[in-house]
Amino acid sequence: MTSPAKIAANRRNAIHSIGPHTPTGKLIVTRNAVRHGIFARLPVVPGESEADWQTHRQGITDSLDPVGLLEVTLAERVVLLLWRLTRLARYEAANTVAAMEDSGLLPPEADPIAFAGRHHNHHNQLLMAEQDVRRQREAFFTARADADLLRRTLSEGAEAEPLPAKSARSLLGEAYTLAMDCPMRHYEPLWHTDKAFLSRIGLPTDRPAGAAWPRDTFLTAVDYYAGATEWPAAEFRVELLRTLDSRAAGFARGVKRREAEVSALNRRLDAEADRSAATALLPPEVAAERIMKYEKHLYTQLTSTLHELERLQARRGGSNIPPPQVADLLITVEHE
């Protein structure tokens, strides 16, 4: 129980703490409720236009046409409630814009490790797919160039230009592989860089690795590999060309498939950004709940005030005022 001495001391201390005395201090205190703007008691807060407020006030007052202090007071309350509802809409729009601007950032409630890991994984998949597309495209160009070179070599006469060393070695490697794939071979073919192979087709064993291959010498080497199989030389050449064309077509299909995967991964990354922006179109859950509660509170007060004003105006006009068919109830539930 508080003693009389304690009560007296509290009263003496209160004299020294009764709030601001100067006009400036009192003005500052009136702005204590201005945090987000929606709960401000002042008609016009920073960021709002005094001219817009006056236009709004005059328009609503003229529409309600109040007579007498009581009706004017109710009309002014309607003006202020509608102004606050407009302010609430601006607040919601500002929250939405801020959320959309932050949609590209990490959501504050997200698990940073999981979010970064998923995003990093998608980017890694995209980089690997793009690298694979480049490799597949290079392989396709090489296979198609080899096939075109072999086709020209087989169709042109003795006046055909010599084959570049790298291309000739690539084609002879394909011929060696084709011969080795035959189950019934007459002999085990030699690799095209072996000295015994070079001697067999009439080339010096000490020839430079970068030396070009004459057309006839190259065809002799191809026919050597054909001799290891059951195919005649002409059929072996056709089969070798068909194999190269088939390989180039396979690489072309691989390029299209991997390009489709790259497009799908890009769409996935774009979809993540779109989903984040779409989610940001709504205010955060806490802000949305606060907005809805305050909007409902303002609307209840507005409806009640309008009903009371209408009854007063009807009474002033001499009309019989029936009891209200709808009761305005305001229920407050307090939880411990």
Protein backbone atom coordinates (compact mmCIF):
# COMPACT_ATOMS: atom_id res chain seq x y z
CA MET A 1 0.00 0.00 0.00
CA THR A 2 1.34 3.41 -1.01
CA SER A 3 2.09 5.65 1.97
CA PRO A 4 0.89 9.28 2.22
CA ALA A 5 4.50 10.41 2.05
CA LYS A 6 5.00 8.55 -1.23
CA ILE A 7 1.85 10.07 -2.72
CA ALA A 8 3.00 13.54 -1.74
CA ALA A 9 6.43 12.94 -3.25
CA ASN A 10 4.84 11.76 -6.53
CA ARG A 11 2.75 14.90 -6.71
CA ARG A 12 5.80 17.10 -6.16
CA ASN A 13 7.75 15.24 -8.85
CA ALA A 14 4.84 15.47 -11.31
CA ILE A 15 5.03 19.23 -11.19
CA HIS A 16 8.44 19.00 -12.83
CA SER A 17 7.28 16.54 -15.55
CA ILE A 18 4.05 17.73 -17.09
CA GLY A 19 5.22 17.83 -20.69
CA PRO A 20 6.46 20.66 -22.89
CA HIS A 21 5.48 24.24 -22.13
CA THR A 22 6.72 26.09 -25.18
CA PRO A 23 4.75 26.22 -28.46
CA THR A 24 7.64 24.49 -30.26
CA GLY A 25 7.73 21.66 -27.75
CA LYS A 26 3.98 21.19 -27.89
CA LEU A 27 4.12 21.03 -31.70
CA ILE A 28 6.80 18.33 -31.53
CA VAL A 29 4.68 16.29 -29.11
CA THR A 30 1.69 16.45 -31.46
CA ARG A 31 3.79 14.57 -34.01
CA ASN A 32 4.67 11.65 -31.74
CA ALA A 33 2.16 9.40 -33.52
CA VAL A 34 3.70 10.08 -36.94
CA ARG A 35 5.68 6.92 -37.54
CA HIS A 36 4.37 5.40 -40.77
CA GLY A 37 1.83 8.19 -41.24
CA ILE A 38 -1.29 6.05 -41.01
CA PHE A 39 -1.85 6.69 -37.28
CA ALA A 40 -1.09 10.41 -37.35
CA ARG A 41 -3.62 12.64 -35.63
CA LEU A 42 -2.69 15.70 -37.66
CA PRO A 43 -4.84 16.22 -40.77
CA VAL A 44 -1.75 16.86 -42.89
CA VAL A 45 1.53 15.09 -42.21
CA PRO A 46 4.89 15.55 -43.95
CA GLY A 47 4.61 14.25 -47.50
CA GLU A 48 0.95 15.31 -47.85
CA SER A 49 -0.37 18.45 -49.50
CA GLU A 50 -2.20 21.13 -47.54
CA ALA A 51 -4.01 22.12 -50.75
CA ASP A 52 -5.18 18.54 -51.32
CA TRP A 53 -6.48 18.42 -47.74
CA GLN A 54 -8.42 21.67 -48.15
CA THR A 55 -9.90 20.47 -51.46
CA HIS A 56 -10.85 17.14 -49.88
CA ARG A 57 -12.35 18.86 -46.81
CA GLN A 58 -14.36 21.36 -48.80
CA GLY A 59 -15.71 18.74 -51.20
CA ILE A 60 -16.88 16.36 -48.47
CA THR A 61 -18.35 19.15 -46.36
CA ASP A 62 -20.30 20.54 -49.32
CA SER A 63 -21.62 17.07 -50.11
CA LEU A 64 -22.86 16.49 -46.56
CA ASP A 65 -24.26 20.06 -46.23
CA PRO A 66 -24.21 20.22 -42.40
CA VAL A 67 -26.22 22.75 -40.41
CA GLY A 68 -25.39 23.61 -36.84
CA LEU A 69 -22.36 22.84 -34.73
CA LEU A 70 -23.29 19.22 -34.07
CA GLU A 71 -23.74 18.38 -37.75
CA VAL A 72 -20.61 20.31 -38.67
CA THR A 73 -18.66 18.36 -36.03
CA LEU A 74 -19.90 15.03 -37.43
CA ALA A 75 -19.16 16.18 -40.98
CA GLU A 76 -15.62 17.15 -39.97
CA ARG A 77 -15.18 13.69 -38.47
CA VAL A 78 -16.30 12.11 -41.77
CA VAL A 79 -13.81 14.33 -43.61
CA LEU A 80 -10.95 13.20 -41.36
CA LEU A 81 -11.90 9.49 -41.52
CA LEU A 82 -12.02 9.54 -45.31
CA TRP A 83 -8.68 11.37 -45.41
CA ARG A 84 -7.15 8.69 -43.19
CA LEU A 85 -8.54 5.94 -45.43
CA THR A 86 -6.86 7.65 -48.40
CA ARG A 87 -3.65 7.89 -46.37
CA LEU A 88 -3.95 4.18 -45.62
CA ALA A 89 -4.13 3.39 -49.35
CA ARG A 90 -0.95 5.42 -49.93
CA TYR A 91 0.76 3.60 -47.07
CA GLU A 92 -0.16 0.23 -48.58
CA ALA A 93 1.11 1.36 -51.99
CA ALA A 94 4.39 2.54 -50.44
CA ASN A 95 4.84 -0.81 -48.72
CA THR A 96 4.19 -2.61 -52.00
CA VAL A 97 6.67 -0.46 -53.93
CA ALA A 98 9.33 -0.98 -51.25
CA ALA A 99 8.77 -4.74 -51.32
CA MET A 100 9.01 -4.81 -55.12
CA GLU A 101 12.26 -2.83 -55.02
CA ASP A 102 13.65 -5.33 -52.52
CA SER A 103 12.36 -8.39 -54.41
CA GLY A 104 15.78 -9.05 -55.92
CA LEU A 105 17.35 -9.19 -52.46
CA LEU A 106 17.47 -12.09 -50.08
CA PRO A 107 14.13 -12.31 -48.19
CA PRO A 108 14.72 -11.55 -44.49
CA GLU A 109 12.85 -14.69 -43.41
CA ALA A 110 14.70 -16.99 -45.83
CA ASP A 111 17.42 -19.39 -44.83
CA PRO A 112 20.53 -17.64 -46.24
CA ILE A 113 22.45 -20.88 -46.76
CA ALA A 114 19.60 -22.71 -48.48
CA PHE A 115 18.63 -19.68 -50.58
CA ALA A 116 22.19 -18.99 -51.70
CA GLY A 117 22.82 -22.69 -52.31
CA ARG A 118 19.76 -23.09 -54.53
CA HIS A 119 20.52 -19.91 -56.48
CA HIS A 120 24.20 -20.86 -56.81
CA ASN A 121 23.26 -24.37 -57.95
CA HIS A 122 20.99 -23.05 -60.70
CA HIS A 123 23.73 -20.71 -61.93
CA ASN A 124 26.26 -23.55 -61.90
CA GLN A 125 23.90 -25.74 -63.92
CA LEU A 126 23.50 -22.92 -66.42
CA LEU A 127 27.26 -22.38 -66.73
CA MET A 128 27.90 -26.10 -67.21
CA ALA A 129 25.13 -26.36 -69.81
CA GLU A 130 26.53 -23.35 -71.71
CA GLN A 131 30.01 -24.88 -71.66
CA ASP A 132 28.60 -28.18 -72.92
CA VAL A 133 26.83 -26.34 -75.74
CA ARG A 134 30.16 -24.82 -76.80
CA ARG A 135 31.88 -28.21 -76.70
CA GLN A 136 29.08 -29.88 -78.63
CA ARG A 137 29.10 -27.09 -81.21
CA GLU A 138 32.88 -27.36 -81.68
CA ALA A 139 32.62 -31.13 -82.05
CA PHE A 140 29.83 -30.70 -84.60
CA PHE A 141 31.85 -28.23 -86.70
CA THR A 142 34.87 -30.55 -86.61
CA ALA A 143 32.85 -33.64 -87.61
CA ARG A 144 31.07 -31.77 -90.39
CA ALA A 145 34.35 -30.33 -91.69
CA ASP A 146 35.90 -33.84 -91.73
CA ALA A 147 32.89 -35.26 -93.56
CA ASP A 148 32.94 -32.46 -96.14
CA LEU A 149 36.70 -32.89 -96.66
CA LEU A 150 36.37 -36.64 -97.17
CA ARG A 151 33.46 -36.10 -99.57
CA ARG A 152 35.50 -33.68 -101.66
CA THR A 153 38.54 -35.94 -101.57
CA LEU A 154 36.53 -38.92 -102.81
CA SER A 155 34.79 -36.95 -105.56
CA GLU A 156 37.72 -34.92 -106.92
CA GLY A 157 40.41 -36.24 -109.21
CA ALA A 158 44.17 -36.33 -108.92
CA GLU A 159 44.29 -32.54 -109.13
CA ALA A 160 42.74 -32.29 -105.66
CA GLU A 161 44.71 -30.30 -103.12
CA PRO A 162 46.67 -32.16 -100.42
CA LEU A 163 44.87 -32.72 -97.11
CA PRO A 164 46.04 -30.73 -94.07
CA ALA A 165 47.97 -32.92 -91.65
CA LYS A 166 45.52 -32.47 -88.77
CA SER A 167 42.46 -33.27 -90.91
CA ALA A 168 44.17 -36.27 -92.52
CA ARG A 169 45.12 -37.69 -89.13
CA SER A 170 41.55 -37.20 -87.87
CA LEU A 171 40.08 -39.01 -90.88
CA LEU A 172 42.59 -41.86 -90.68
CA GLY A 173 41.78 -42.21 -86.97
CA GLU A 174 38.10 -42.65 -87.94
CA ALA A 175 39.10 -45.21 -90.58
CA TYR A 176 41.17 -47.13 -87.98
CA THR A 177 38.21 -47.13 -85.54
CA LEU A 178 35.85 -48.35 -88.30
CA ALA A 179 38.23 -51.19 -89.19
CA MET A 180 38.67 -52.20 -85.56
CA ASP A 181 34.89 -52.34 -85.11
CA CYS A 182 34.60 -55.10 -87.71
CA PRO A 183 34.32 -58.47 -85.91
CA MET A 184 35.99 -60.49 -88.70
CA ARG A 185 39.27 -58.77 -89.60
CA HIS A 186 41.85 -60.07 -92.03
CA TYR A 187 44.65 -58.46 -90.00
CA GLU A 188 45.14 -56.06 -87.12
CA PRO A 189 45.56 -52.60 -88.67
CA LEU A 190 48.38 -50.31 -87.59
CA TRP A 191 47.90 -46.86 -86.13
CA HIS A 192 48.45 -44.14 -88.71
CA THR A 193 51.48 -42.65 -86.93
CA ASP A 194 53.41 -45.96 -86.68
CA LYS A 195 56.56 -46.10 -88.79
CA ALA A 196 55.51 -49.49 -90.13
CA PHE A 197 52.23 -47.95 -91.32
CA LEU A 198 54.03 -45.07 -93.05
CA SER A 199 56.39 -47.52 -94.78
CA ARG A 200 53.44 -49.67 -95.92
CA ILE A 201 51.74 -46.74 -97.69
CA GLY A 202 55.00 -45.43 -99.17
CA LEU A 203 55.80 -42.50 -96.93
CA PRO A 204 59.19 -41.84 -95.30
CA THR A 205 59.23 -42.66 -91.61
CA ASP A 206 60.94 -39.39 -90.73
CA ARG A 207 58.38 -37.13 -92.44
CA PRO A 208 57.36 -34.08 -90.39
CA ALA A 209 54.17 -34.48 -88.39
CA GLY A 210 52.76 -31.28 -89.90
CA ALA A 211 53.34 -32.26 -93.52
CA ALA A 212 50.28 -32.34 -95.77
CA TRP A 213 48.95 -35.63 -97.16
CA PRO A 214 48.70 -35.99 -100.94
CA ARG A 215 45.30 -37.20 -102.05
CA ASP A 216 46.50 -40.48 -103.52
CA THR A 217 48.61 -41.29 -100.48
CA PHE A 218 45.68 -40.57 -98.20
CA LEU A 219 43.35 -42.84 -100.22
CA THR A 220 46.00 -45.56 -100.13
CA ALA A 221 45.99 -45.31 -96.34
CA VAL A 222 42.18 -45.53 -96.26
CA ASP A 223 42.28 -48.57 -98.52
CA TYR A 224 44.82 -50.17 -96.17
CA TYR A 225 42.24 -50.01 -93.39
CA ALA A 226 39.57 -51.27 -95.78
CA GLY A 227 41.75 -54.31 -96.52
CA ALA A 228 41.55 -55.33 -92.88
CA THR A 229 37.77 -55.69 -93.19
CA GLU A 230 35.42 -57.70 -95.36
CA TRP A 231 34.29 -54.53 -97.18
CA PRO A 232 35.59 -53.73 -100.64
CA ALA A 233 37.58 -50.47 -100.73
CA ALA A 234 34.77 -48.48 -102.40
CA GLU A 235 32.17 -49.65 -99.86
CA PHE A 236 34.54 -48.95 -96.98
CA ARG A 237 34.97 -45.37 -98.21
CA VAL A 238 31.21 -44.92 -98.44
CA GLU A 239 30.74 -46.40 -94.96
CA LEU A 240 33.45 -44.12 -93.57
CA LEU A 241 31.70 -41.09 -95.07
CA ARG A 242 28.33 -42.27 -93.71
CA THR A 243 29.86 -42.67 -90.24
CA LEU A 244 31.21 -39.11 -90.30
CA ASP A 245 27.87 -37.70 -91.50
CA SER A 246 26.06 -39.64 -88.78
CA ARG A 247 28.44 -38.35 -86.14
CA ALA A 248 28.01 -34.76 -87.30
CA ALA A 249 24.20 -35.21 -87.17
CA GLY A 250 24.50 -36.62 -83.65
CA PHE A 251 26.51 -33.61 -82.52
CA ALA A 252 23.92 -31.30 -84.14
CA ARG A 253 21.15 -32.99 -82.17
CA GLY A 254 23.27 -32.68 -79.03
CA VAL A 255 23.70 -28.95 -79.64
CA LYS A 256 19.94 -28.46 -80.00
CA ARG A 257 19.25 -30.52 -76.89
CA ARG A 258 21.75 -28.64 -74.77
CA GLU A 259 20.57 -25.30 -76.14
CA ALA A 260 17.05 -26.25 -75.06
CA GLU A 261 18.40 -27.04 -71.58
CA VAL A 262 20.13 -23.64 -71.44
CA SER A 263 16.85 -21.95 -72.40
CA ALA A 264 15.00 -23.94 -69.72
CA LEU A 265 17.55 -22.97 -67.06
CA ASN A 266 17.34 -19.32 -68.09
CA ARG A 267 13.55 -19.50 -67.85
CA ARG A 268 13.88 -21.06 -64.39
CA LEU A 269 16.13 -18.24 -63.18
CA ASP A 270 13.81 -15.65 -64.73
CA ALA A 271 10.83 -17.38 -63.12
CA GLU A 272 12.50 -17.14 -59.71
CA ALA A 273 12.85 -13.38 -60.17
CA ASP A 274 9.26 -13.12 -61.45
CA ARG A 275 7.91 -15.12 -58.51
CA SER A 276 9.83 -12.91 -56.10
CA ALA A 277 8.43 -9.77 -57.74
CA ALA A 278 4.90 -11.22 -57.78
CA THR A 279 5.15 -12.05 -54.09
CA ALA A 280 6.25 -8.49 -53.43
CA LEU A 281 2.99 -7.18 -54.93
CA LEU A 282 1.42 -7.88 -51.55
CA PRO A 283 2.63 -6.12 -48.39
CA PRO A 284 4.48 -8.21 -45.81
CA GLU A 285 2.20 -10.33 -43.68
CA VAL A 286 2.59 -8.20 -40.54
CA ALA A 287 1.97 -4.96 -42.45
CA ALA A 288 -1.03 -6.44 -44.29
CA GLU A 289 -2.66 -7.53 -41.02
CA ARG A 290 -2.06 -4.10 -39.51
CA ILE A 291 -3.52 -2.37 -42.57
CA MET A 292 -6.66 -4.52 -42.57
CA LYS A 293 -7.31 -3.99 -38.86
CA TYR A 294 -6.89 -0.24 -39.08
CA GLU A 295 -8.96 -0.01 -42.26
CA LYS A 296 -11.79 -1.93 -40.61
CA HIS A 297 -11.58 0.35 -37.58
CA LEU A 298 -11.78 3.49 -39.74
CA TYR A 299 -14.64 2.10 -41.82
CA THR A 300 -16.64 1.23 -38.70
CA GLN A 301 -16.21 4.75 -37.34
CA LEU A 302 -17.08 6.25 -40.72
CA THR A 303 -20.29 4.22 -41.05
CA SER A 304 -21.37 5.07 -37.51
CA THR A 305 -20.70 8.78 -38.01
CA LEU A 306 -22.58 8.90 -41.31
CA HIS A 307 -25.58 7.12 -39.76
CA GLU A 308 -25.67 9.60 -36.88
CA LEU A 309 -25.37 12.57 -39.23
CA GLU A 310 -28.18 11.27 -41.44
CA ARG A 311 -30.47 10.83 -38.41
CA LEU A 312 -29.74 14.37 -37.24
CA GLN A 313 -30.44 15.82 -40.65
CA ALA A 314 -33.67 13.80 -40.94
CA ARG A 315 -34.78 15.05 -37.51
CA ARG A 316 -33.99 18.62 -38.50
CA GLY A 317 -36.10 18.17 -41.63
CA GLY A 318 -39.09 17.00 -39.63
CA SER A 319 -38.98 13.40 -40.81
CA ASN A 320 -40.03 10.55 -38.60
CA ILE A 321 -36.84 8.80 -37.55
CA PRO A 322 -37.28 5.03 -37.31
CA PRO A 323 -35.00 3.04 -35.06
CA PRO A 324 -31.82 1.88 -36.83
CA GLN A 325 -32.20 -1.44 -38.67
CA VAL A 326 -28.50 -2.11 -38.38
CA ALA A 327 -26.66 -1.64 -35.13
CA ASP A 328 -23.07 -0.39 -35.24
CA LEU A 329 -21.14 -2.60 -32.86
CA LEU A 330 -17.51 -2.23 -31.91
CA ILE A 331 -16.17 -5.27 -30.09
CA THR A 332 -12.76 -5.24 -28.47
CA VAL A 333 -11.21 -8.49 -27.26
CA GLU A 334 -8.28 -8.29 -24.90
CA HIS A 335 -5.98 -11.25 -24.37
CA GLU A 336 -3.79 -11.67 -21.33
